Amino acid sequence: MQYKGEKKKPLPQIARELNVDAVMEGSVLRAGNHVRIATHMIHAPTDQSLMTETYEGDLADVLKMQREMAESITKKVRVKLTPEQQSRLHEAPKLDPEAYQAYLAATHIDLSGYRGIKKSQSYLEKAIEKDPNFASAYTGLARSYLLLAAQRWQSPREAFPSAKQAIRKALELDEKNCEAHAVLARISWQYDWDWQIAEKTYLQGLALCPNDLWLHYEYAIYSAVNGRIAEARAELAKTRELDPIQSEPLVGEAVISYHLRNYKSLVEIARASVAENPNDWLAHDWLGVGFEGSGQTLQAVREYQKAVELSQGDSDPTAQLAHAYAATGRKFEAQKILHEWLRQSETSYVSPYMIATVHASLGQKDKAFEYIERAYKERSPDLTYFLRADLRVDSLRSDPRFQDLMRRMNFPK
């Protein structure tokens, strides 16, 4: 989409940026439930046409049309498909047109905020209502629940069982759905703490879809959390190869540096992220962690404050800010954050792990472990993501209770 518009770049330049020899353009016309798709393949260096094809059909057969297009194009460019890929192209179930429209609406919503996720869920639920056999709609619904849990907008006890139910249905309908494998793998390590099943599921998904960008990125994050840095970097390299201009590798490199506790590298990556998008609260949060881990806590406070402001009070940068406040002698302000969360937790969900980090920052170890145990009982995804690298809980690491927790969560060694 970034190549559309009045300031469209010359085709050879687009091809160089994407590291491709040819570019496919297309248009879609719809009249009622009848669809016409026109495709045009162009040899980028010479700007010459390689192929022009038109496909027509009923909207209910849109998946079949897509797969006919894919098969036609692969034959034209002489790509050799595996038997698995060939059989996949010929599996084209009919779709209810209204279900497909609702699904497309759901996939084009900004999912960075609570309202966006809930709006997307409503469209996905409509798609499922119209077509109960629409596997991708169930996968999207499961993924939306994971986002709610990851952003701490819904408790793990509410979000993950709903995600598991949806993803089981998706795989029951389509066991070769690559995105469903990625979602199931994330549930396996973040909620079930079954790292072996997660590994197996990621590899199954990658075997089905070796060029799936999101699967490679997800596997990179999983590998980084596990301390398998070489594998994480190899997966990120694959995402760059598949899509040279996408920004996720920067995010992935930040995650790797975070889990390596390489704070100098984290500062460099986060500065680049902030320069690219000054309103990205996560980049400011990473920059704060990098500064604090490097001993520049006053600079960290400023970045955490910016992250809290931009995220409208996300609990992660807020907990980081409380930790930095405590480290710079501003314990009253850290205590104020804690008291506000304890008050909020009486009527709405607040991550017990984040509360635990503030207790730890204030030197209240027993209280910190009390809330970590609450996080354990609800199977908080914060534990699996943060526990190994989080500087906020460094004061707890030498305590036998911490090592016992790591053992109970089945962390790979």
Protein backbone atom coordinates (compact mmCIF):
# COMPACT_ATOMS: atom_id res chain seq x y z
CA MET A 1 0.00 0.00 0.00
CA GLN A 2 2.88 2.38 0.64
CA TYR A 3 3.66 2.38 -3.08
CA LYS A 4 0.22 3.68 -4.06
CA GLY A 5 -0.73 7.33 -4.52
CA GLU A 6 0.41 10.40 -6.39
CA LYS A 7 4.06 10.09 -5.39
CA LYS A 8 4.39 6.54 -6.64
CA LYS A 9 8.02 5.48 -7.08
CA PRO A 10 9.31 4.18 -10.42
CA LEU A 11 8.85 0.43 -10.78
CA PRO A 12 12.59 -0.39 -10.98
CA GLN A 13 13.11 1.44 -7.66
CA ILE A 14 10.25 -0.46 -6.02
CA ALA A 15 11.72 -3.74 -7.25
CA ARG A 16 15.16 -2.85 -5.86
CA GLU A 17 13.69 -2.01 -2.45
CA LEU A 18 11.77 -5.28 -2.39
CA ASN A 19 14.68 -7.25 -3.88
CA VAL A 20 12.52 -8.75 -6.63
CA ASP A 21 12.77 -9.19 -10.41
CA ALA A 22 9.08 -8.73 -11.16
CA VAL A 23 6.12 -6.89 -9.67
CA MET A 24 2.47 -7.96 -9.72
CA GLU A 25 -0.23 -5.32 -9.96
CA GLY A 26 -3.93 -6.00 -9.71
CA SER A 27 -7.41 -4.56 -9.50
CA VAL A 28 -10.73 -5.87 -8.27
CA LEU A 29 -14.17 -4.96 -9.63
CA ARG A 30 -17.36 -6.11 -7.96
CA ALA A 31 -20.95 -5.97 -9.13
CA GLY A 32 -23.29 -7.53 -6.58
CA ASN A 33 -21.76 -10.93 -5.83
CA HIS A 34 -19.87 -11.10 -9.12
CA VAL A 35 -16.12 -10.36 -8.94
CA ARG A 36 -13.56 -9.66 -11.64
CA ILE A 37 -9.86 -9.66 -10.74
CA ALA A 38 -7.33 -8.34 -13.25
CA THR A 39 -3.62 -9.08 -12.72
CA HIS A 40 -0.58 -7.73 -14.49
CA MET A 41 3.00 -8.94 -14.00
CA ILE A 42 5.80 -6.59 -15.04
CA HIS A 43 9.52 -7.24 -15.46
CA ALA A 44 10.88 -4.49 -13.24
CA PRO A 45 14.29 -3.69 -14.81
CA THR A 46 12.80 -3.22 -18.30
CA ASP A 47 9.24 -2.22 -17.28
CA GLN A 48 7.92 -4.78 -19.80
CA SER A 49 4.73 -6.80 -19.37
CA LEU A 50 5.23 -10.49 -18.62
CA MET A 51 1.64 -11.58 -18.09
CA THR A 52 -1.89 -10.22 -18.06
CA GLU A 53 -4.75 -12.36 -16.77
CA THR A 54 -8.38 -11.84 -15.76
CA TYR A 55 -10.32 -14.03 -13.36
CA GLU A 56 -14.09 -13.89 -12.87
CA GLY A 57 -16.44 -15.64 -10.52
CA ASP A 58 -18.91 -15.51 -7.68
CA LEU A 59 -17.87 -13.90 -4.40
CA ALA A 60 -18.64 -17.18 -2.66
CA ASP A 61 -15.82 -18.74 -4.72
CA VAL A 62 -13.29 -16.01 -3.92
CA LEU A 63 -10.87 -18.43 -2.24
CA LYS A 64 -11.00 -20.67 -5.29
CA MET A 65 -10.29 -17.65 -7.51
CA GLN A 66 -7.34 -16.65 -5.34
CA ARG A 67 -5.86 -20.13 -5.57
CA GLU A 68 -6.45 -20.31 -9.35
CA MET A 69 -4.54 -17.03 -9.62
CA ALA A 70 -1.71 -18.37 -7.49
CA GLU A 71 -1.50 -21.57 -9.54
CA SER A 72 -1.55 -19.66 -12.83
CA ILE A 73 1.16 -17.24 -11.69
CA THR A 74 3.45 -19.97 -10.35
CA LYS A 75 3.19 -21.80 -13.69
CA LYS A 76 3.98 -18.63 -15.61
CA VAL A 77 7.12 -17.93 -13.60
CA ARG A 78 8.04 -21.64 -13.53
CA VAL A 79 8.07 -21.97 -9.76
CA LYS A 80 8.18 -25.60 -8.72
CA LEU A 81 5.59 -26.33 -6.05
CA THR A 82 5.87 -29.10 -3.49
CA PRO A 83 3.09 -31.73 -3.50
CA GLU A 84 1.83 -30.16 -0.27
CA GLN A 85 1.59 -26.73 -1.90
CA GLN A 86 -0.09 -28.17 -4.99
CA SER A 87 -2.77 -29.93 -2.92
CA ARG A 88 -3.27 -26.72 -0.92
CA LEU A 89 -4.05 -24.77 -4.10
CA HIS A 90 -6.82 -27.18 -4.98
CA GLU A 91 -8.55 -26.98 -1.59
CA ALA A 92 -11.00 -24.14 -2.06
CA PRO A 93 -14.15 -24.26 0.06
CA LYS A 94 -17.07 -21.97 -0.77
CA LEU A 95 -17.54 -18.95 1.46
CA ASP A 96 -20.61 -17.00 2.43
CA PRO A 97 -20.07 -13.55 0.79
CA GLU A 98 -21.23 -11.67 3.90
CA ALA A 99 -18.89 -13.75 6.07
CA TYR A 100 -15.97 -12.93 3.81
CA GLN A 101 -16.79 -9.21 3.83
CA ALA A 102 -16.96 -9.24 7.64
CA TYR A 103 -13.62 -11.07 7.80
CA LEU A 104 -11.96 -8.55 5.50
CA ALA A 105 -13.34 -5.70 7.62
CA ALA A 106 -11.86 -7.34 10.74
CA THR A 107 -8.40 -7.71 9.19
CA HIS A 108 -8.22 -4.04 8.18
CA ILE A 109 -8.75 -2.58 11.65
CA ASP A 110 -5.92 -1.07 13.68
CA LEU A 111 -5.37 -3.54 16.53
CA SER A 112 -3.07 -1.36 18.63
CA GLY A 113 -5.91 -0.24 20.93
CA TYR A 114 -8.62 -1.93 22.97
CA ARG A 115 -11.49 -0.53 20.92
CA GLY A 116 -9.90 -1.69 17.67
CA ILE A 117 -9.51 -5.24 18.95
CA LYS A 118 -13.09 -5.38 20.22
CA LYS A 119 -14.39 -3.99 16.92
CA SER A 120 -12.37 -6.59 15.02
CA GLN A 121 -13.80 -9.30 17.27
CA SER A 122 -17.34 -8.21 16.48
CA TYR A 123 -16.67 -8.54 12.74
CA LEU A 124 -15.04 -11.96 13.21
CA GLU A 125 -17.97 -13.16 15.28
CA LYS A 126 -20.31 -11.97 12.52
CA ALA A 127 -18.22 -13.88 9.96
CA ILE A 128 -18.48 -17.05 12.06
CA GLU A 129 -22.21 -16.54 12.53
CA LYS A 130 -22.65 -16.28 8.74
CA ASP A 131 -20.29 -19.17 7.99
CA PRO A 132 -19.55 -21.51 10.96
CA ASN A 133 -16.97 -23.37 8.85
CA PHE A 134 -14.76 -20.32 8.16
CA ALA A 135 -11.45 -21.44 9.69
CA SER A 136 -9.58 -18.18 9.22
CA ALA A 137 -12.27 -16.27 11.14
CA TYR A 138 -11.76 -18.55 14.14
CA THR A 139 -7.99 -18.04 13.86
CA GLY A 140 -8.41 -14.26 13.80
CA LEU A 141 -10.71 -14.43 16.81
CA ALA A 142 -8.18 -16.51 18.76
CA ARG A 143 -5.42 -14.08 17.87
CA SER A 144 -7.54 -11.13 19.08
CA TYR A 145 -7.89 -12.77 22.51
CA LEU A 146 -4.10 -13.16 22.67
CA LEU A 147 -3.74 -9.44 21.96
CA LEU A 148 -6.17 -8.58 24.78
CA ALA A 149 -4.15 -10.73 27.18
CA ALA A 150 -0.78 -9.41 25.97
CA GLN A 151 -1.89 -5.80 26.51
CA ARG A 152 -3.41 -6.72 29.92
CA TRP A 153 -6.85 -5.54 28.84
CA GLN A 154 -8.31 -8.92 29.80
CA SER A 155 -7.21 -11.39 32.44
CA PRO A 156 -5.47 -14.58 31.24
CA ARG A 157 -8.25 -16.64 32.84
CA GLU A 158 -10.75 -14.98 30.48
CA ALA A 159 -8.68 -14.52 27.34
CA PHE A 160 -6.71 -17.75 26.90
CA PRO A 161 -9.52 -20.32 27.30
CA SER A 162 -11.51 -18.38 24.67
CA ALA A 163 -8.44 -18.30 22.42
CA LYS A 164 -7.90 -22.05 22.84
CA GLN A 165 -11.51 -22.82 22.01
CA ALA A 166 -11.37 -20.73 18.83
CA ILE A 167 -8.03 -22.10 17.65
CA ARG A 168 -9.07 -25.70 18.21
CA LYS A 169 -12.09 -25.08 16.01
CA ALA A 170 -9.90 -23.42 13.35
CA LEU A 171 -7.55 -26.42 13.20
CA GLU A 172 -10.46 -28.85 13.25
CA LEU A 173 -11.76 -27.10 10.11
CA ASP A 174 -8.35 -26.62 8.48
CA GLU A 175 -5.39 -28.46 9.99
CA LYS A 176 -3.06 -26.84 7.44
CA ASN A 177 -3.86 -23.25 8.43
CA CYS A 178 -0.41 -21.71 8.99
CA GLU A 179 -1.59 -18.76 11.07
CA ALA A 180 -3.51 -21.15 13.32
CA HIS A 181 -0.27 -23.02 14.05
CA ALA A 182 1.40 -19.76 15.06
CA VAL A 183 -1.46 -18.88 17.41
CA LEU A 184 -1.54 -22.37 18.94
CA ALA A 185 2.23 -22.27 19.47
CA ARG A 186 1.99 -18.94 21.30
CA ILE A 187 -0.77 -20.28 23.55
CA SER A 188 1.36 -23.36 24.24
CA TRP A 189 4.34 -21.41 25.59
CA GLN A 190 2.63 -18.33 27.03
CA TYR A 191 -0.26 -20.00 28.84
CA ASP A 192 0.22 -23.80 28.93
CA TRP A 193 3.98 -23.46 29.54
CA ASP A 194 4.45 -26.44 27.24
CA TRP A 195 7.60 -25.38 25.45
CA GLN A 196 8.02 -28.68 23.57
CA ILE A 197 4.55 -28.49 22.03
CA ALA A 198 5.19 -24.85 21.12
CA GLU A 199 8.42 -25.80 19.34
CA LYS A 200 6.74 -28.67 17.50
CA THR A 201 3.82 -26.49 16.44
CA TYR A 202 6.02 -23.68 15.11
CA LEU A 203 8.00 -26.17 13.05
CA GLN A 204 4.81 -27.76 11.70
CA GLY A 205 3.58 -24.34 10.63
CA LEU A 206 6.88 -23.46 8.96
CA ALA A 207 6.88 -26.78 7.11
CA LEU A 208 3.42 -25.94 5.75
CA CYS A 209 4.27 -22.30 4.95
CA PRO A 210 8.04 -21.79 4.69
CA ASN A 211 7.57 -18.23 3.41
CA ASP A 212 5.04 -17.05 5.98
CA LEU A 213 6.43 -13.79 7.35
CA TRP A 214 4.45 -13.80 10.60
CA LEU A 215 5.39 -17.41 11.44
CA HIS A 216 9.10 -16.65 11.07
CA TYR A 217 8.73 -13.52 13.21
CA GLU A 218 6.78 -15.39 15.91
CA TYR A 219 9.38 -18.16 15.98
CA ALA A 220 12.11 -15.52 16.28
CA ILE A 221 10.45 -14.02 19.37
CA TYR A 222 9.91 -17.47 20.89
CA SER A 223 13.59 -18.32 20.31
CA ALA A 224 14.72 -15.01 21.83
CA VAL A 225 12.62 -15.57 24.97
CA ASN A 226 14.29 -18.98 25.26
CA GLY A 227 17.76 -17.49 24.96
CA ARG A 228 18.36 -19.14 21.57
CA ILE A 229 19.78 -15.99 20.06
CA ALA A 230 21.41 -17.50 16.95
CA GLU A 231 18.09 -19.07 15.94
CA ALA A 232 16.21 -15.87 16.69
CA ARG A 233 18.54 -13.87 14.46
CA ALA A 234 18.30 -16.45 11.67
CA GLU A 235 14.51 -16.18 11.74
CA LEU A 236 14.67 -12.38 11.68
CA ALA A 237 17.05 -12.58 8.72
CA LYS A 238 14.46 -14.72 6.96
CA THR A 239 11.76 -12.09 7.56
CA ARG A 240 14.03 -9.42 6.05
CA GLU A 241 14.64 -11.65 3.05
CA LEU A 242 10.90 -12.15 2.58
CA ASP A 243 10.04 -8.47 3.08
CA PRO A 244 13.06 -6.11 3.07
CA ILE A 245 11.06 -2.96 3.89
CA GLN A 246 8.96 -4.18 6.81
CA SER A 247 9.76 -2.72 10.24
CA GLU A 248 9.29 -5.81 12.40
CA PRO A 249 13.00 -6.82 12.33
CA LEU A 250 13.74 -3.65 14.31
CA VAL A 251 11.22 -4.82 16.88
CA GLY A 252 12.71 -8.30 16.82
CA GLU A 253 16.24 -6.99 17.32
CA ALA A 254 15.01 -4.97 20.31
CA VAL A 255 13.44 -8.11 21.81
CA ILE A 256 16.71 -10.01 21.32
CA SER A 257 18.75 -7.24 22.95
CA TYR A 258 16.25 -7.07 25.82
CA HIS A 259 16.49 -10.80 26.53
CA LEU A 260 20.29 -10.71 26.19
CA ARG A 261 20.27 -7.76 28.62
CA ASN A 262 22.50 -6.03 26.06
CA TYR A 263 21.49 -2.52 27.08
CA LYS A 264 23.96 -0.68 24.87
CA SER A 265 22.50 -2.41 21.82
CA LEU A 266 18.98 -1.78 23.08
CA VAL A 267 19.67 1.96 23.32
CA GLU A 268 20.95 2.02 19.72
CA ILE A 269 17.96 0.09 18.34
CA ALA A 270 15.42 2.07 20.38
CA ARG A 271 16.92 5.38 19.26
CA ALA A 272 16.51 4.26 15.66
CA SER A 273 12.91 3.27 16.39
CA VAL A 274 12.14 6.60 18.04
CA ALA A 275 13.69 8.46 15.09
CA GLU A 276 11.50 6.45 12.72
CA ASN A 277 8.34 6.90 14.79
CA PRO A 278 8.54 9.42 17.65
CA ASN A 279 5.03 8.46 18.84
CA ASP A 280 5.80 4.77 19.30
CA TRP A 281 5.52 4.32 23.06
CA LEU A 282 7.18 0.90 22.95
CA ALA A 283 10.33 2.41 21.41
CA HIS A 284 10.51 4.98 24.22
CA ASP A 285 9.99 2.19 26.76
CA TRP A 286 12.86 0.18 25.27
CA LEU A 287 15.05 3.28 25.27
CA GLY A 288 14.23 3.72 28.96
CA VAL A 289 15.18 0.11 29.72
CA GLY A 290 18.40 0.53 27.76
CA PHE A 291 19.28 3.70 29.68
CA GLU A 292 18.40 2.21 33.06
CA GLY A 293 20.32 -1.00 32.36
CA SER A 294 23.31 1.16 31.36
CA GLY A 295 23.16 3.10 34.63
CA GLN A 296 21.60 6.24 33.12
CA THR A 297 18.50 6.14 35.29
CA LEU A 298 17.60 9.85 35.08
CA GLN A 299 17.47 9.60 31.28
CA ALA A 300 15.41 6.44 31.71
CA VAL A 301 12.82 8.30 33.80
CA ARG A 302 12.21 10.77 30.97
CA GLU A 303 11.73 7.98 28.41
CA TYR A 304 9.41 6.02 30.70
CA GLN A 305 7.33 9.13 31.31
CA LYS A 306 7.03 9.62 27.55
CA ALA A 307 6.07 5.96 27.08
CA VAL A 308 3.39 6.20 29.79
CA GLU A 309 2.00 9.35 28.17
CA LEU A 310 1.93 7.92 24.63
CA SER A 311 0.49 4.57 25.73
CA GLN A 312 -2.18 6.27 27.85
CA GLY A 313 -0.98 4.55 30.98
CA ASP A 314 0.03 1.06 29.84
CA SER A 315 1.07 -0.89 32.92
CA ASP A 316 4.47 -2.03 31.59
CA PRO A 317 6.10 1.41 31.15
CA THR A 318 4.26 2.56 34.30
CA ALA A 319 5.92 -0.24 36.27
CA GLN A 320 9.25 0.64 34.64
CA LEU A 321 8.75 4.24 35.75
CA ALA A 322 7.97 3.12 39.32
CA HIS A 323 11.18 1.09 39.35
CA ALA A 324 13.23 4.04 38.10
CA TYR A 325 11.57 6.34 40.64
CA ALA A 326 12.51 3.97 43.46
CA ALA A 327 16.07 3.68 42.14
CA THR A 328 16.49 7.47 42.14
CA GLY A 329 15.12 8.00 45.64
CA ARG A 330 11.60 9.01 44.60
CA LYS A 331 9.96 6.18 46.50
CA PHE A 332 6.87 8.21 47.33
CA GLU A 333 6.04 8.46 43.63
CA ALA A 334 6.60 4.73 43.14
CA GLN A 335 4.38 4.06 46.15
CA LYS A 336 1.71 6.31 44.63
CA ILE A 337 1.64 4.18 41.47
CA LEU A 338 1.34 1.03 43.58
CA HIS A 339 -1.53 2.39 45.68
CA GLU A 340 -3.43 3.44 42.53
CA TRP A 341 -3.07 -0.04 41.03
CA LEU A 342 -4.21 -1.73 44.22
CA ARG A 343 -7.28 0.51 44.20
CA GLN A 344 -7.97 -0.25 40.52
CA SER A 345 -7.56 -3.99 41.05
CA GLU A 346 -10.65 -4.01 43.25
CA THR A 347 -12.89 -3.27 40.26
CA SER A 348 -10.86 -4.12 37.12
CA TYR A 349 -7.98 -6.28 35.98
CA VAL A 350 -4.44 -5.21 36.85
CA SER A 351 -1.57 -7.57 36.09
CA PRO A 352 -0.34 -9.06 39.39
CA TYR A 353 3.10 -9.41 37.83
CA MET A 354 3.33 -5.66 37.27
CA ILE A 355 2.22 -5.05 40.86
CA ALA A 356 4.92 -7.51 41.97
CA THR A 357 7.63 -5.57 40.13
CA VAL A 358 6.74 -2.38 42.02
CA HIS A 359 6.84 -4.19 45.35
CA ALA A 360 10.25 -5.55 44.36
CA SER A 361 11.40 -2.05 43.40
CA LEU A 362 10.44 -0.82 46.87
CA GLY A 363 12.31 -3.66 48.58
CA GLN A 364 9.10 -5.41 49.67
CA LYS A 365 10.17 -8.96 48.76
CA ASP A 366 7.45 -10.94 50.50
CA LYS A 367 4.75 -8.82 48.90
CA ALA A 368 6.48 -9.16 45.54
CA PHE A 369 6.44 -12.95 45.79
CA GLU A 370 2.82 -12.89 46.93
CA TYR A 371 1.82 -11.14 43.72
CA ILE A 372 4.15 -13.23 41.56
CA GLU A 373 2.37 -16.28 42.97
CA ARG A 374 -0.95 -14.72 41.95
CA ALA A 375 0.47 -14.23 38.46
CA TYR A 376 1.55 -17.88 38.48
CA LYS A 377 -1.92 -19.09 39.46
CA GLU A 378 -3.58 -17.13 36.66
CA ARG A 379 -0.82 -18.18 34.21
CA SER A 380 0.03 -14.62 33.31
CA PRO A 381 1.86 -14.27 29.96
CA ASP A 382 3.92 -11.54 31.66
CA LEU A 383 5.80 -14.29 33.51
CA THR A 384 6.91 -16.17 30.41
CA TYR A 385 7.90 -13.02 28.56
CA PHE A 386 9.59 -10.95 31.27
CA LEU A 387 10.83 -13.20 34.05
CA ARG A 388 14.22 -14.24 32.67
CA ALA A 389 15.43 -10.77 31.69
CA ASP A 390 13.43 -8.20 33.66
CA LEU A 391 15.74 -5.89 35.64
CA ARG A 392 12.76 -4.89 37.80
CA VAL A 393 12.93 -8.24 39.59
CA ASP A 394 16.71 -8.53 39.88
CA SER A 395 16.45 -8.13 43.65
CA LEU A 396 14.44 -11.37 43.79
CA ARG A 397 16.69 -13.61 41.71
CA SER A 398 18.86 -14.90 44.56
CA ASP A 399 15.80 -15.93 46.59
CA PRO A 400 15.04 -19.71 46.51
CA ARG A 401 11.40 -18.84 45.79
CA PHE A 402 12.45 -17.35 42.46
CA GLN A 403 14.33 -20.47 41.35
CA ASP A 404 11.40 -22.62 42.44
CA LEU A 405 9.10 -20.52 40.26
CA MET A 406 11.35 -20.96 37.22
CA ARG A 407 11.32 -24.72 37.80
CA ARG A 408 7.52 -24.87 38.11
CA MET A 409 7.08 -22.96 34.86
CA ASN A 410 9.13 -25.55 32.94
CA PHE A 411 11.48 -22.96 31.45
CA PRO A 412 13.90 -24.65 29.02
CA LYS A 413 17.43 -24.73 30.38
